[in-house]
C-alpha atoms as a PDB file:
ATOM      1  CA  MET A   1       0.000   0.000   0.000  1.00  0.00           C
ATOM      2  CA  THR A   2       2.893   2.363   0.723  1.00  0.00           C
ATOM      3  CA  TRP A   3       4.202   2.127  -2.821  1.00  0.00           C
ATOM      4  CA  ILE A   4       0.730   2.919  -4.199  1.00  0.00           C
ATOM      5  CA  VAL A   5       0.687   6.166  -2.219  1.00  0.00           C
ATOM      6  CA  GLY A   6       4.194   7.094  -3.331  1.00  0.00           C
ATOM      7  CA  ILE A   7       3.577   6.359  -7.010  1.00  0.00           C
ATOM      8  CA  THR A   8       0.265   8.245  -6.946  1.00  0.00           C
ATOM      9  CA  TYR A   9       1.883  11.428  -5.644  1.00  0.00           C
ATOM     10  CA  LEU A  10       4.867  11.146  -7.989  1.00  0.00           C
ATOM     11  CA  LEU A  11       2.549  10.593 -10.956  1.00  0.00           C
ATOM     12  CA  PHE A  12       0.532  13.630  -9.956  1.00  0.00           C
ATOM     13  CA  MET A  13       3.703  15.729  -9.766  1.00  0.00           C
ATOM     14  CA  VAL A  14       4.736  14.602 -13.251  1.00  0.00           C
ATOM     15  CA  MET A  15       1.269  15.384 -14.610  1.00  0.00           C
ATOM     16  CA  THR A  16       1.385  18.932 -13.228  1.00  0.00           C
ATOM     17  CA  PHE A  17       4.422  19.581 -15.433  1.00  0.00           C
ATOM     18  CA  VAL A  18       3.485  17.497 -18.494  1.00  0.00           C
ATOM     19  CA  ALA A  19      -0.230  18.307 -18.697  1.00  0.00           C
ATOM     20  CA  PRO A  20      -1.223  20.957 -16.133  1.00  0.00           C
ATOM     21  CA  GLY A  21      -4.518  21.759 -17.846  1.00  0.00           C
ATOM     22  CA  PHE A  22      -5.611  18.128 -17.950  1.00  0.00           C
ATOM     23  CA  THR A  23      -4.523  17.671 -14.333  1.00  0.00           C
ATOM     24  CA  ARG A  24      -6.701  20.572 -13.181  1.00  0.00           C
ATOM     25  CA  GLU A  25      -9.697  19.242 -15.116  1.00  0.00           C
ATOM     26  CA  PHE A  26      -9.202  15.686 -13.893  1.00  0.00           C
ATOM     27  CA  ALA A  27      -8.965  16.745 -10.234  1.00  0.00           C
ATOM     28  CA  ALA A  28     -11.535  19.544 -10.430  1.00  0.00           C
ATOM     29  CA  LYS A  29     -14.640  19.798  -8.263  1.00  0.00           C
ATOM     30  CA  GLU A  30     -17.089  17.149  -9.558  1.00  0.00           C
ATOM     31  CA  GLY A  31     -14.440  16.042 -12.032  1.00  0.00           C
ATOM     32  CA  PRO A  32     -13.464  12.438 -12.857  1.00  0.00           C
ATOM     33  CA  LEU A  33     -11.319  12.009  -9.738  1.00  0.00           C
ATOM     34  CA  GLU A  34     -14.208  12.985  -7.461  1.00  0.00           C
ATOM     35  CA  HIS A  35     -16.417  10.393  -9.147  1.00  0.00           C
ATOM     36  CA  VAL A  36     -13.718   7.804  -8.461  1.00  0.00           C
ATOM     37  CA  GLN A  37     -13.876   8.900  -4.822  1.00  0.00           C
ATOM     38  CA  HIS A  38     -17.623   8.285  -4.736  1.00  0.00           C
ATOM     39  CA  VAL A  39     -17.106   4.708  -5.921  1.00  0.00           C
ATOM     40  CA  LEU A  40     -14.333   4.163  -3.369  1.00  0.00           C
ATOM     41  CA  LEU A  41     -16.537   5.492  -0.571  1.00  0.00           C
ATOM     42  CA  VAL A  42     -19.432   3.196  -1.490  1.00  0.00           C
ATOM     43  CA  ALA A  43     -17.031   0.241  -1.630  1.00  0.00           C
ATOM     44  CA  GLY A  44     -15.480   1.313   1.674  1.00  0.00           C
ATOM     45  CA  ILE A  45     -18.861   1.519   3.390  1.00  0.00           C
ATOM     46  CA  GLY A  46     -19.638  -2.019   2.251  1.00  0.00           C
ATOM     47  CA  ALA A  47     -16.208  -3.285   3.316  1.00  0.00           C
ATOM     48  CA  TRP A  48     -16.479  -1.862   6.824  1.00  0.00           C
ATOM     49  CA  ILE A  49     -20.016  -3.180   7.311  1.00  0.00           C
ATOM     50  CA  VAL A  50     -18.765  -6.642   6.332  1.00  0.00           C
ATOM     51  CA  ALA A  51     -15.760  -6.140   8.640  1.00  0.00           C
ATOM     52  CA  ALA A  52     -18.143  -5.463  11.523  1.00  0.00           C
ATOM     53  CA  PHE A  53     -19.596  -8.942  11.098  1.00  0.00           C
ATOM     54  CA  ARG A  54     -16.261 -10.668  10.514  1.00  0.00           C
ATOM     55  CA  ALA A  55     -14.235  -9.093  13.313  1.00  0.00           C
ATOM     56  CA  ALA A  56     -14.158 -10.867  16.651  1.00  0.00           C
ATOM     57  CA  LYS A  57     -13.204  -7.596  18.375  1.00  0.00           C
ATOM     58  CA  GLY A  58     -13.740  -3.982  17.411  1.00  0.00           C
ATOM     59  CA  ARG A  59     -17.142  -4.357  15.773  1.00  0.00           C
ATOM     60  CA  GLY A  60     -18.347  -1.081  17.218  1.00  0.00           C
ATOM     61  CA  TRP A  61     -15.443   0.761  15.628  1.00  0.00           C
ATOM     62  CA  ALA A  62     -16.070  -0.972  12.300  1.00  0.00           C
ATOM     63  CA  LEU A  63     -19.662   0.243  12.295  1.00  0.00           C
ATOM     64  CA  ALA A  64     -18.523   3.702  13.410  1.00  0.00           C
ATOM     65  CA  ILE A  65     -16.099   3.937  10.479  1.00  0.00           C
ATOM     66  CA  ALA A  66     -18.814   2.735   8.078  1.00  0.00           C
ATOM     67  CA  ILE A  67     -21.114   5.496   9.371  1.00  0.00           C
ATOM     68  CA  PHE A  68     -18.242   7.980   9.123  1.00  0.00           C
ATOM     69  CA  LEU A  69     -17.752   7.039   5.452  1.00  0.00           C
ATOM     70  CA  MET A  70     -21.492   7.425   4.840  1.00  0.00           C
ATOM     71  CA  PHE A  71     -21.247  10.923   6.270  1.00  0.00           C
ATOM     72  CA  VAL A  72     -18.211  11.689   4.084  1.00  0.00           C
ATOM     73  CA  LEU A  73     -20.078  10.437   1.005  1.00  0.00           C
ATOM     74  CA  GLY A  74     -22.996  12.690   1.897  1.00  0.00           C
ATOM     75  CA  GLU A  75     -20.590  15.614   2.170  1.00  0.00           C
ATOM     76  CA  GLU A  76     -18.912  14.751  -1.147  1.00  0.00           C
ATOM     77  CA  LEU A  77     -22.319  14.741  -2.842  1.00  0.00           C
ATOM     78  CA  ASN A  78     -23.356  17.960  -1.065  1.00  0.00           C
ATOM     79  CA  TRP A  79     -26.073  15.879   0.562  1.00  0.00           C
ATOM     80  CA  GLY A  80     -27.696  15.004  -2.744  1.00  0.00           C
ATOM     81  CA  GLU A  81     -27.406  18.339  -4.523  1.00  0.00           C
ATOM     82  CA  VAL A  82     -24.767  16.954  -6.925  1.00  0.00           C
ATOM     83  CA  VAL A  83     -27.218  14.308  -8.185  1.00  0.00           C
ATOM     84  CA  GLY A  84     -30.282  16.553  -8.100  1.00  0.00           C
ATOM     85  CA  ILE A  85     -31.721  15.370  -4.774  1.00  0.00           C
ATOM     86  CA  THR A  86     -32.340  18.377  -2.539  1.00  0.00           C
ATOM     87  CA  ALA A  87     -34.382  16.960   0.354  1.00  0.00           C
ATOM     88  CA  VAL A  88     -31.402  17.361   2.690  1.00  0.00           C
ATOM     89  CA  SER A  89     -29.241  19.914   0.889  1.00  0.00           C
ATOM     90  CA  ASP A  90     -31.907  22.645   0.725  1.00  0.00           C
ATOM     91  CA  PRO A  91     -32.659  22.681   4.482  1.00  0.00           C
ATOM     92  CA  LEU A  92     -28.920  22.552   5.148  1.00  0.00           C
ATOM     93  CA  ARG A  93     -28.337  25.557   2.910  1.00  0.00           C
ATOM     94  CA  ARG A  94     -31.077  27.492   4.700  1.00  0.00           C
ATOM     95  CA  ALA A  95     -29.582  26.596   8.077  1.00  0.00           C
ATOM     96  CA  ILE A  96     -25.874  27.294   7.510  1.00  0.00           C
ATOM     97  CA  GLY A  97     -25.725  28.953   4.086  1.00  0.00           C
ATOM     98  CA  ARG A  98     -24.029  26.023   2.309  1.00  0.00           C
ATOM     99  CA  THR A  99     -24.702  22.412   1.344  1.00  0.00           C
ATOM    100  CA  ASN A 100     -21.869  20.748   3.238  1.00  0.00           C
ATOM    101  CA  VAL A 101     -20.485  20.936   6.733  1.00  0.00           C
ATOM    102  CA  HIS A 102     -16.754  20.457   6.159  1.00  0.00           C
ATOM    103  CA  ASN A 103     -16.359  23.984   4.768  1.00  0.00           C
ATOM    104  CA  TYR A 104     -18.277  25.537   7.665  1.00  0.00           C
ATOM    105  CA  TRP A 105     -16.516  27.715  10.285  1.00  0.00           C
ATOM    106  CA  TRP A 106     -14.208  29.064   7.546  1.00  0.00           C
ATOM    107  CA  GLY A 107     -13.208  25.510   6.676  1.00  0.00           C
ATOM    108  CA  MET A 108     -12.041  24.632  10.185  1.00  0.00           C
ATOM    109  CA  SER A 109     -14.584  21.815  10.526  1.00  0.00           C
ATOM    110  CA  TYR A 110     -12.747  20.072   7.673  1.00  0.00           C
ATOM    111  CA  HIS A 111     -10.033  19.105  10.152  1.00  0.00           C
ATOM    112  CA  LEU A 112     -12.541  17.205  12.295  1.00  0.00           C
ATOM    113  CA  PHE A 113     -12.674  14.608   9.522  1.00  0.00           C
ATOM    114  CA  ALA A 114      -9.098  13.631  10.383  1.00  0.00           C
ATOM    115  CA  LEU A 115      -9.976  12.503  13.918  1.00  0.00           C
ATOM    116  CA  PRO A 116     -11.260   8.992  12.997  1.00  0.00           C
ATOM    117  CA  LEU A 117      -8.176   8.531  10.801  1.00  0.00           C
ATOM    118  CA  LEU A 118      -5.871   9.517  13.658  1.00  0.00           C
ATOM    119  CA  ALA A 119      -7.671   7.078  15.941  1.00  0.00           C
ATOM    120  CA  LEU A 120      -7.421   4.163  13.487  1.00  0.00           C
ATOM    121  CA  PHE A 121      -3.903   4.632  12.156  1.00  0.00           C
ATOM    122  CA  GLY A 122      -2.628   5.882  15.513  1.00  0.00           C
ATOM    123  CA  ALA A 123      -3.638   2.515  16.950  1.00  0.00           C
ATOM    124  CA  GLY A 124      -1.762   0.887  14.071  1.00  0.00           C
ATOM    125  CA  PHE A 125       1.340   2.951  14.794  1.00  0.00           C
ATOM    126  CA  PHE A 126       1.495   1.920  18.441  1.00  0.00           C
ATOM    127  CA  ALA A 127       0.680  -1.715  17.640  1.00  0.00           C
ATOM    128  CA  HIS A 128       3.515  -2.069  15.134  1.00  0.00           C
ATOM    129  CA  PHE A 129       6.130   0.492  16.155  1.00  0.00           C
ATOM    130  CA  ALA A 130       5.728   0.743  19.935  1.00  0.00           C
ATOM    131  CA  PRO A 131       4.072  -2.530  21.003  1.00  0.00           C
ATOM    132  CA  LYS A 132       5.654  -2.752  24.460  1.00  0.00           C
ATOM    133  CA  ARG A 133       5.091   0.887  25.312  1.00  0.00           C
ATOM    134  CA  SER A 134       1.430   0.656  24.318  1.00  0.00           C
ATOM    135  CA  SER A 135       0.668  -2.712  25.888  1.00  0.00           C
ATOM    136  CA  SER A 136      -1.021  -1.207  28.959  1.00  0.00           C
ATOM    137  CA  GLY A 137      -2.656   1.945  30.247  1.00  0.00           C
ATOM    138  CA  TRP A 138      -4.655   4.225  27.999  1.00  0.00           C
ATOM    139  CA  LEU A 139      -2.516   3.329  24.974  1.00  0.00           C
ATOM    140  CA  GLY A 140      -3.275  -0.321  25.554  1.00  0.00           C
ATOM    141  CA  ALA A 141      -6.972   0.469  25.858  1.00  0.00           C
ATOM    142  CA  TRP A 142      -6.772   2.465  22.620  1.00  0.00           C
ATOM    143  CA  ARG A 143      -5.250  -0.480  20.760  1.00  0.00           C
ATOM    144  CA  ALA A 144      -7.650  -2.962  22.321  1.00  0.00           C
ATOM    145  CA  ALA A 145     -10.665  -0.887  21.289  1.00  0.00           C
ATOM    146  CA  PHE A 146      -9.896  -1.567  17.629  1.00  0.00           C
ATOM    147  CA  GLY A 147      -9.345  -5.264  18.245  1.00  0.00           C
ATOM    148  CA  ASP A 148      -9.012  -7.108  14.933  1.00  0.00           C
ATOM    149  CA  LEU A 149      -9.257  -3.877  12.943  1.00  0.00           C
ATOM    150  CA  ILE A 150      -5.689  -2.684  13.558  1.00  0.00           C
ATOM    151  CA  PRO A 151      -4.176  -1.669  10.187  1.00  0.00           C
ATOM    152  CA  THR A 152      -1.157  -3.623   8.965  1.00  0.00           C
ATOM    153  CA  ARG A 153       2.346  -2.201   9.266  1.00  0.00           C
ATOM    154  CA  ASP A 154       2.300  -1.350   5.550  1.00  0.00           C
ATOM    155  CA  GLN A 155      -1.076   0.379   5.784  1.00  0.00           C
ATOM    156  CA  THR A 156       0.097   2.356   8.808  1.00  0.00           C
ATOM    157  CA  MET A 157       3.262   3.431   6.990  1.00  0.00           C
ATOM    158  CA  ALA A 158       1.163   4.388   3.969  1.00  0.00           C
ATOM    159  CA  ALA A 159      -0.975   6.647   6.161  1.00  0.00           C
ATOM    160  CA  GLY A 160       2.184   8.286   7.475  1.00  0.00           C
ATOM    161  CA  LEU A 161       3.431   8.782   3.922  1.00  0.00           C
ATOM    162  CA  VAL A 162       0.156  10.514   3.027  1.00  0.00           C
ATOM    163  CA  ALA A 163       0.759  12.969   5.882  1.00  0.00           C
ATOM    164  CA  VAL A 164       4.332  13.623   4.729  1.00  0.00           C
ATOM    165  CA  CYS A 165       3.320  14.022   1.078  1.00  0.00           C
ATOM    166  CA  THR A 166       0.533  16.409   2.061  1.00  0.00           C
ATOM    167  CA  VAL A 167       3.103  18.761   3.578  1.00  0.00           C
ATOM    168  CA  VAL A 168       5.935  18.297   1.065  1.00  0.00           C
ATOM    169  CA  PHE A 169       3.851  18.427  -2.098  1.00  0.00           C
ATOM    170  CA  GLY A 170       1.709  21.191  -0.633  1.00  0.00           C
ATOM    171  CA  LEU A 171       4.811  23.359  -0.348  1.00  0.00           C
ATOM    172  CA  ALA A 172       6.310  22.299  -3.685  1.00  0.00           C
ATOM    173  CA  LEU A 173       3.084  22.516  -5.702  1.00  0.00           C
ATOM    174  CA  SER A 174       1.137  25.237  -3.913  1.00  0.00           C
ATOM    175  CA  ALA A 175      -0.465  26.309  -7.207  1.00  0.00           C
ATOM    176  CA  PHE A 176      -2.243  22.929  -7.253  1.00  0.00           C
ATOM    177  CA  GLU A 177      -3.469  23.037  -3.656  1.00  0.00           C
ATOM    178  CA  SER A 178      -7.092  22.111  -4.362  1.00  0.00           C
ATOM    179  CA  GLU A 179      -6.062  19.343  -6.775  1.00  0.00           C
ATOM    180  CA  LEU A 180      -3.652  17.950  -4.170  1.00  0.00           C
ATOM    181  CA  ASP A 181      -6.536  17.836  -1.697  1.00  0.00           C
ATOM    182  CA  GLU A 182      -8.427  15.606  -4.124  1.00  0.00           C
ATOM    183  CA  VAL A 183      -5.411  13.314  -4.501  1.00  0.00           C
ATOM    184  CA  LYS A 184      -5.051  13.118  -0.717  1.00  0.00           C
ATOM    185  CA  GLU A 185      -8.710  12.260  -0.261  1.00  0.00           C
ATOM    186  CA  THR A 186      -8.516   9.584  -2.954  1.00  0.00           C
ATOM    187  CA  VAL A 187      -5.538   7.767  -1.430  1.00  0.00           C
ATOM    188  CA  VAL A 188      -7.098   7.995   2.043  1.00  0.00           C
ATOM    189  CA  TYR A 189     -10.279   6.354   0.726  1.00  0.00           C
ATOM    190  CA  VAL A 190      -8.177   3.644  -0.927  1.00  0.00           C
ATOM    191  CA  LEU A 191      -6.405   3.083   2.396  1.00  0.00           C
ATOM    192  CA  LEU A 192      -9.648   2.840   4.352  1.00  0.00           C
ATOM    193  CA  LEU A 193     -11.068   0.441   1.779  1.00  0.00           C
ATOM    194  CA  GLY A 194      -7.929  -1.677   2.057  1.00  0.00           C
ATOM    195  CA  VAL A 195      -8.073  -1.846   5.851  1.00  0.00           C
ATOM    196  CA  GLY A 196     -11.763  -2.732   5.875  1.00  0.00           C
ATOM    197  CA  ALA A 197     -11.587  -5.261   3.041  1.00  0.00           C
ATOM    198  CA  GLY A 198      -8.509  -6.943   4.518  1.00  0.00           C
ATOM    199  CA  ARG A 199     -10.206  -7.829   7.788  1.00  0.00           C
ATOM    200  CA  ARG A 200     -10.110 -11.628   8.171  1.00  0.00           C
ATOM    201  CA  GLY A 201     -10.495 -12.024  11.922  1.00  0.00           C
ATOM    202  CA  GLY A 202      -8.088 -13.514  14.404  1.00  0.00           C
ATOM    203  CA  GLY A 203      -6.151 -10.613  15.885  1.00  0.00           C
ATOM    204  CA  ALA A 204      -4.007  -7.751  14.639  1.00  0.00           C
ATOM    205  CA  ARG A 205      -2.378  -8.224  11.269  1.00  0.00           C
ATOM    206  CA  PRO A 206       1.373  -7.954  10.719  1.00  0.00           C
END
C-alpha cells in the first residue's frame, strides 16, 4: 500500500508539469477524480459493514467507520445536490448557508474529519512500532478498542506517507493546492477500503 501512495503522488507531480490543464480538469470539483472517490466510498462503506460482522473484536469501531464514510459520502455529494436530490441539501443551505459541513466555520470543521483517521492509524502505529510501550494503560486500551481492525504495518506506513506528502507536495506545488486535496482524499479512501476489506479475523495483522 505504501508504494501505491508514493507512485500516486509522484505521478501527480509529473502530470502537473506534463499536462497541467488536464490535471486541473481531472482533479476539479465534480471532475473524474471525485467520481472515483464516490465509488471508493461506497465500496469502503460495504467493506467496513462486512468487517463489523467478521471481526471478533472492534465491531463497534467498524460500524462507526462505516457510518463515518457514509457521512463523508454525503458531504462529497453535497447531501444530494450533486445528483439533483435536494431533500437534505436545501434545508442545510437554509440553516448554515451552504450544502456541506466540512467547509463551515471558515473551513475549520474540515479538520474534524481527520480525527477517525488519527484514531485508526494511531492505533496501528502503536501496535507495530511501539508494542511494548502501548501494551497497557490508555494506549493499551486504545489499541484494544480496535481489536481485529488494527491496520497492517504497511497500511500504517502508507498513512504516514500521506501525511508527509501532504506537507511536502503542498509546499512544492502550492499552485495545485485544491487538486492535491483531491489526490489526498482519494488515497485515504483507498487506504480505508484496504483496511476494511482486509479484515479476516483472528487478531491484529502484521
